[in-house]
C-alpha cells in the first residue's frame, strides 16, 4: 500500500483553488475574499513570525524534499492554512513568472487602525499621500521597516498594499510593520492629538531636509508621484523641507526621496536601535 501523501495534491491548472489563488492578482478579488498572495518561503516565515493568518500554502513536490520547506509547510498547516502541492506548471501559473518561488501563500489581509499605532515615547512614522505605484509602495514599506519606523500611513486613494507588485517589492516587510489607512482629515486629527510633527518633502520647502526640526514624535509625509502634495495639505504641515539637487534631474523617484527623508529622521535620532 502506498504511503498517504502529506498534503493534498493538485495536478491541473483548471482546479478551482488554483483559479481562486490566481484571481488574487486582481483588486476586486482581493477585496471580496479578504486574501492576498505572497511568494517565497522567506515571506511566509516573516508572516508567521508576526502573527499573520495563512489561508493557503502551495508548493512544488520537489520542495517537500527540503526539510526546512517541509517544516514551514507543516507550521503553515497548524496555523490554519490549507496546504497543497502541485506541478511546476501550476506554480508558474500562480506567480506569472518563469522562475517561480518554491512556496506561494495566500494570507488574510490585516490593516492596523490609526488609533492603534503606538504613540507613547519617541516615535517615527511615514505617511504617503495618494501614491499610485505599487512598486514604489512596497519599496517604501521595506525602507520604513529597515529604518525602524513605527508605522506607515496610507492617506486617501492610494494603490493597494496587498497587490502582488507591492508585496513583492516589500520583500517581507509588509508583514513586519504596521500599516494604517486614513483620510487626511483623520490623519491630521491623529497627529494633533498625539503631538506628532508632520515634516513634508516639498518643492516649496524653505530649507534642506537635514535641517528639519524633528520632534519626539515625527511623521514624514510624501506626496503623489506626479503632483506631490496639494496646497491645503502643505499648509497643514508643521514644516516643509526640500531635498537638494545638483545635476540635471529636478526630482527623485518617490521611493528614493522617501528613503532619504526616512533615514534623515533616523540619523537625527542618532540611529538609535540599529542592530548592525
Protein backbone atom coordinates (compact mmCIF):
# COMPACT_ATOMS: atom_id res chain seq x y z
CA UNK A 1 0.00 0.00 0.00
CA UNK A 2 1.39 3.41 -0.97
CA UNK A 3 2.11 5.92 1.74
CA UNK A 4 -0.55 8.60 2.22
CA UNK A 5 0.70 11.97 0.86
CA UNK A 6 1.44 14.61 3.46
CA UNK A 7 -0.65 17.24 1.71
CA UNK A 8 -3.43 17.49 -0.84
CA UNK A 9 -2.04 17.30 -4.38
CA UNK A 10 -3.33 19.24 -7.40
CA UNK A 11 -2.34 18.36 -10.93
CA UNK A 12 -4.44 20.72 -13.08
CA UNK A 13 -4.34 24.47 -13.62
CA UNK A 14 -8.13 24.25 -14.07
CA UNK A 15 -8.58 23.35 -10.40
CA UNK A 16 -10.95 25.73 -8.58
CA UNK A 17 -8.42 26.51 -5.84
CA UNK A 18 -5.77 27.34 -8.44
CA UNK A 19 -8.27 29.65 -10.13
CA UNK A 20 -9.04 31.32 -6.80
CA UNK A 21 -5.38 31.91 -5.97
CA UNK A 22 -4.62 33.16 -9.45
CA UNK A 23 -7.54 35.62 -9.25
CA UNK A 24 -5.88 37.37 -6.29
CA UNK A 25 -3.79 39.43 -8.70
CA UNK A 26 -6.99 41.49 -9.16
CA UNK A 27 -8.03 44.00 -6.52
CA UNK A 28 -11.71 43.13 -6.81
CA UNK A 29 -10.99 39.53 -5.86
CA UNK A 30 -8.72 40.60 -3.01
CA UNK A 31 -11.47 42.83 -1.64
CA UNK A 32 -14.14 40.12 -1.96
CA UNK A 33 -12.05 37.34 -0.42
CA UNK A 34 -10.00 39.37 2.06
CA UNK A 35 -6.94 37.44 0.88
CA UNK A 36 -3.71 38.30 -0.95
CA UNK A 37 -0.80 36.39 -2.45
CA UNK A 38 2.73 36.24 -1.11
CA UNK A 39 5.62 34.49 -2.84
CA UNK A 40 8.53 32.70 -1.25
CA UNK A 41 9.38 30.83 1.93
CA UNK A 42 11.07 33.89 3.42
CA UNK A 43 7.87 35.93 3.18
CA UNK A 44 5.87 33.10 4.72
CA UNK A 45 8.32 32.83 7.62
CA UNK A 46 8.08 36.59 8.22
CA UNK A 47 4.30 36.44 8.15
CA UNK A 48 4.08 33.58 10.64
CA UNK A 49 6.61 35.26 12.94
CA UNK A 50 4.39 38.34 13.05
CA UNK A 51 1.11 36.55 13.64
CA UNK A 52 -0.47 36.79 10.19
CA UNK A 53 -3.11 34.16 9.39
CA UNK A 54 -2.40 31.94 6.37
CA UNK A 55 -5.31 30.67 4.30
CA UNK A 56 -3.46 28.65 1.64
CA UNK A 57 0.08 27.45 1.01
CA UNK A 58 1.08 25.95 -2.33
CA UNK A 59 4.40 24.24 -3.02
CA UNK A 60 6.02 22.03 -5.61
CA UNK A 61 6.52 18.35 -4.86
CA UNK A 62 10.27 18.86 -5.09
CA UNK A 63 10.10 21.46 -2.31
CA UNK A 64 8.99 18.77 0.14
CA UNK A 65 12.42 17.17 -0.14
CA UNK A 66 13.92 20.16 1.66
CA UNK A 67 13.48 19.72 5.45
CA UNK A 68 13.23 23.48 6.02
CA UNK A 69 10.44 23.89 3.50
CA UNK A 70 8.58 20.83 4.77
CA UNK A 71 8.78 22.19 8.32
CA UNK A 72 7.44 25.56 7.12
CA UNK A 73 4.50 23.96 5.34
CA UNK A 74 3.63 21.92 8.42
CA UNK A 75 3.70 25.05 10.56
CA UNK A 76 1.52 26.84 7.99
CA UNK A 77 -0.94 23.97 8.23
CA UNK A 78 -1.00 24.15 12.03
CA UNK A 79 -1.64 27.90 11.72
CA UNK A 80 -4.77 27.20 9.69
CA UNK A 81 -3.59 27.06 6.07
CA UNK A 82 -4.87 24.58 3.54
CA UNK A 83 -1.57 23.22 2.24
CA UNK A 84 -1.40 21.91 -1.32
CA UNK A 85 1.29 20.58 -3.62
CA UNK A 86 1.38 20.66 -7.38
CA UNK A 87 3.43 20.81 -10.53
CA UNK A 88 5.90 23.47 -11.57
CA UNK A 89 3.39 24.49 -14.25
CA UNK A 90 0.85 25.43 -11.57
CA UNK A 91 3.46 27.48 -9.70
CA UNK A 92 4.26 29.34 -12.92
CA UNK A 93 0.53 29.94 -13.42
CA UNK A 94 0.14 31.38 -9.92
CA UNK A 95 3.23 33.59 -9.94
CA UNK A 96 3.09 34.51 -13.65
CA UNK A 97 6.88 34.15 -13.67
CA UNK A 98 9.05 31.59 -15.46
CA UNK A 99 11.14 31.02 -12.33
CA UNK A 100 8.55 30.93 -9.53
CA UNK A 101 9.35 30.64 -5.83
CA UNK A 102 9.01 27.15 -4.35
CA UNK A 103 6.24 28.29 -1.99
CA UNK A 104 3.31 30.58 -2.78
CA UNK A 105 0.92 31.52 0.02
CA UNK A 106 -2.34 33.37 0.49
CA UNK A 107 -2.79 35.30 3.73
CA UNK A 108 -5.73 37.07 5.30
CA UNK A 109 -5.44 40.83 4.96
CA UNK A 110 -4.67 42.86 8.07
CA UNK A 111 -4.84 46.64 8.43
CA UNK A 112 -3.94 48.49 11.62
CA UNK A 113 -6.38 51.13 12.84
CA UNK A 114 -4.85 54.61 13.00
CA UNK A 115 -5.74 54.79 16.70
CA UNK A 116 -3.81 51.57 17.36
CA UNK A 117 -0.44 52.88 16.15
CA UNK A 118 1.96 53.27 19.10
CA UNK A 119 2.35 56.89 20.18
CA UNK A 120 3.97 56.71 23.63
CA UNK A 121 7.54 57.97 23.78
CA UNK A 122 9.77 58.79 20.78
CA UNK A 123 8.21 57.62 17.51
CA UNK A 124 8.82 57.90 13.76
CA UNK A 125 6.12 57.36 11.15
CA UNK A 126 5.84 57.62 7.39
CA UNK A 127 2.71 58.84 5.61
CA UNK A 128 2.10 58.52 1.87
CA UNK A 129 -0.45 60.78 0.19
CA UNK A 130 -2.32 59.16 -2.71
CA UNK A 131 0.65 57.34 -4.19
CA UNK A 132 -0.23 55.21 -7.22
CA UNK A 133 2.73 52.95 -7.99
CA UNK A 134 2.63 49.62 -6.09
CA UNK A 135 6.34 49.05 -6.70
CA UNK A 136 7.11 52.38 -5.03
CA UNK A 137 4.78 51.50 -2.16
CA UNK A 138 6.41 48.13 -1.50
CA UNK A 139 9.91 49.62 -1.68
CA UNK A 140 9.00 52.41 0.74
CA UNK A 141 7.44 49.93 3.18
CA UNK A 142 10.69 47.97 3.10
CA UNK A 143 12.74 51.12 3.78
CA UNK A 144 10.44 52.21 6.61
CA UNK A 145 10.86 48.79 8.20
CA UNK A 146 14.66 48.87 7.77
CA UNK A 147 14.89 52.31 9.39
CA UNK A 148 12.71 51.33 12.35
CA UNK A 149 9.60 53.36 11.60
CA UNK A 150 6.68 52.66 13.91
CA UNK A 151 4.10 52.58 11.15
CA UNK A 152 3.18 53.53 7.59
CA UNK A 153 0.00 55.54 6.98
CA UNK A 154 -1.68 55.49 3.58
CA UNK A 155 -3.70 58.66 3.02
CA UNK A 156 -6.55 58.99 0.54
CA UNK A 157 -6.83 56.95 -2.67
CA UNK A 158 -3.52 55.08 -2.67
CA UNK A 159 -2.63 51.93 -4.57
CA UNK A 160 -3.26 48.63 -2.82
CA UNK A 161 -0.58 47.46 -0.38
CA UNK A 162 -1.80 43.90 -0.95
CA UNK A 163 -1.22 43.89 -4.70
CA UNK A 164 1.26 41.31 -5.98
CA UNK A 165 3.68 44.07 -7.04
CA UNK A 166 3.62 45.85 -3.66
CA UNK A 167 4.02 42.64 -1.68
CA UNK A 168 6.95 41.56 -3.86
CA UNK A 169 8.69 44.92 -3.56
CA UNK A 170 8.29 44.96 0.23
CA UNK A 171 10.45 41.81 0.48
CA UNK A 172 8.55 40.61 3.54
CA UNK A 173 8.46 43.97 5.34
CA UNK A 174 4.71 44.22 4.70
CA UNK A 175 4.37 41.59 7.44
CA UNK A 176 6.73 43.32 9.87
CA UNK A 177 5.41 46.89 10.06
CA UNK A 178 2.00 48.31 10.98
CA UNK A 179 0.14 49.85 8.05
CA UNK A 180 -2.88 52.09 8.57
CA UNK A 181 -5.20 53.89 6.16
CA UNK A 182 -6.87 57.26 6.74
CA UNK A 183 -8.32 60.38 5.20
CA UNK A 184 -6.11 63.43 5.52
CA UNK A 185 -8.60 64.97 7.97
CA UNK A 186 -8.40 61.93 10.27
CA UNK A 187 -4.62 61.82 9.89
CA UNK A 188 -4.31 65.49 10.87
CA UNK A 189 -6.54 65.00 13.92
CA UNK A 190 -4.45 62.00 14.95
CA UNK A 191 -1.17 63.93 14.67
CA UNK A 192 -2.60 66.82 16.68
CA UNK A 193 -3.98 64.58 19.41
CA UNK A 194 -0.69 62.70 19.76
CA UNK A 195 1.71 65.63 19.27
CA UNK A 196 3.19 64.19 16.09
CA UNK A 197 5.01 66.73 13.92
CA UNK A 198 4.35 66.48 10.18
CA UNK A 199 7.52 67.05 8.14
CA UNK A 200 6.78 67.04 4.41
CA UNK A 201 9.16 66.85 1.47
CA UNK A 202 8.13 69.57 -0.99
CA UNK A 203 9.42 71.69 -3.85
CA UNK A 204 8.22 74.59 -1.69
CA UNK A 205 10.47 73.65 1.22
CA UNK A 206 12.40 76.63 2.61
CA UNK A 207 15.48 74.67 3.70
CA UNK A 208 17.23 71.33 3.16
CA UNK A 209 15.88 68.11 4.64
CA UNK A 210 18.84 67.75 7.02
CA UNK A 211 17.80 70.98 8.74
CA UNK A 212 14.33 69.66 9.57
CA UNK A 213 13.15 70.10 13.15
CA UNK A 214 12.23 66.56 14.09
CA UNK A 215 10.28 66.34 17.32
CA UNK A 216 9.99 63.47 19.77
CA UNK A 217 7.24 62.11 17.55
CA UNK A 218 7.56 62.80 13.83
CA UNK A 219 5.74 61.74 10.69
CA UNK A 220 7.44 62.12 7.31
CA UNK A 221 4.83 62.94 4.67
CA UNK A 222 5.45 62.19 0.99
CA UNK A 223 3.16 63.21 -1.87
CA UNK A 224 1.83 61.69 -5.07
CA UNK A 225 4.42 60.68 -7.71
CA UNK A 226 3.17 63.18 -10.30
CA UNK A 227 1.57 66.04 -8.40
CA UNK A 228 3.16 65.94 -4.96
CA UNK A 229 1.06 67.38 -2.14
CA UNK A 230 -1.95 69.69 -2.61
CA UNK A 231 -1.58 73.25 -1.30
CA UNK A 232 -4.11 72.74 1.51
CA UNK A 233 -2.20 69.67 2.73
CA UNK A 234 1.12 71.52 2.69
CA UNK A 235 -0.40 74.36 4.72
CA UNK A 236 -1.46 71.85 7.37
CA UNK A 237 2.10 70.51 7.78
CA UNK A 238 4.40 71.66 10.56
CA UNK A 239 7.39 72.02 8.25
CA UNK A 240 8.19 71.76 4.54
CA UNK A 241 11.71 70.75 3.53
CA UNK A 242 13.39 70.08 0.20
CA UNK A 243 15.94 67.53 -0.89
CA UNK A 244 18.86 69.36 -2.57
CA UNK A 245 19.52 68.65 -6.26
CA UNK A 246 22.67 69.27 -8.28
CA UNK A 247 22.52 67.56 -11.69
CA UNK A 248 20.01 67.92 -14.49
CA UNK A 249 17.37 65.86 -12.68
CA UNK A 250 14.85 68.12 -10.97
CA UNK A 251 13.33 65.43 -8.75
CA UNK A 252 13.85 61.98 -7.29
CA UNK A 253 11.74 58.87 -7.68
CA UNK A 254 9.26 58.72 -4.79
CA UNK A 255 10.85 55.64 -3.23
CA UNK A 256 14.31 57.27 -3.38
CA UNK A 257 13.08 60.56 -1.91
CA UNK A 258 11.21 58.75 0.86
CA UNK A 259 14.36 56.79 1.70
CA UNK A 260 16.39 60.00 2.02
CA UNK A 261 13.78 61.50 4.35
CA UNK A 262 13.25 58.38 6.46
CA UNK A 263 16.95 57.89 7.06
CA UNK A 264 17.49 61.55 7.86
CA UNK A 265 14.83 61.34 10.57
CA UNK A 266 16.59 58.26 11.97
CA UNK A 267 20.03 59.91 11.73
CA UNK A 268 18.69 62.86 13.72
CA UNK A 269 17.72 60.36 16.41
CA UNK A 270 21.29 59.02 16.47
CA UNK A 271 20.37 55.79 14.64
CA UNK A 272 19.00 54.57 17.95
CA UNK A 273 18.15 50.88 17.89
CA UNK A 274 20.44 49.96 14.98
CA UNK A 275 21.35 46.29 15.16
CA UNK A 276 24.09 46.28 12.52
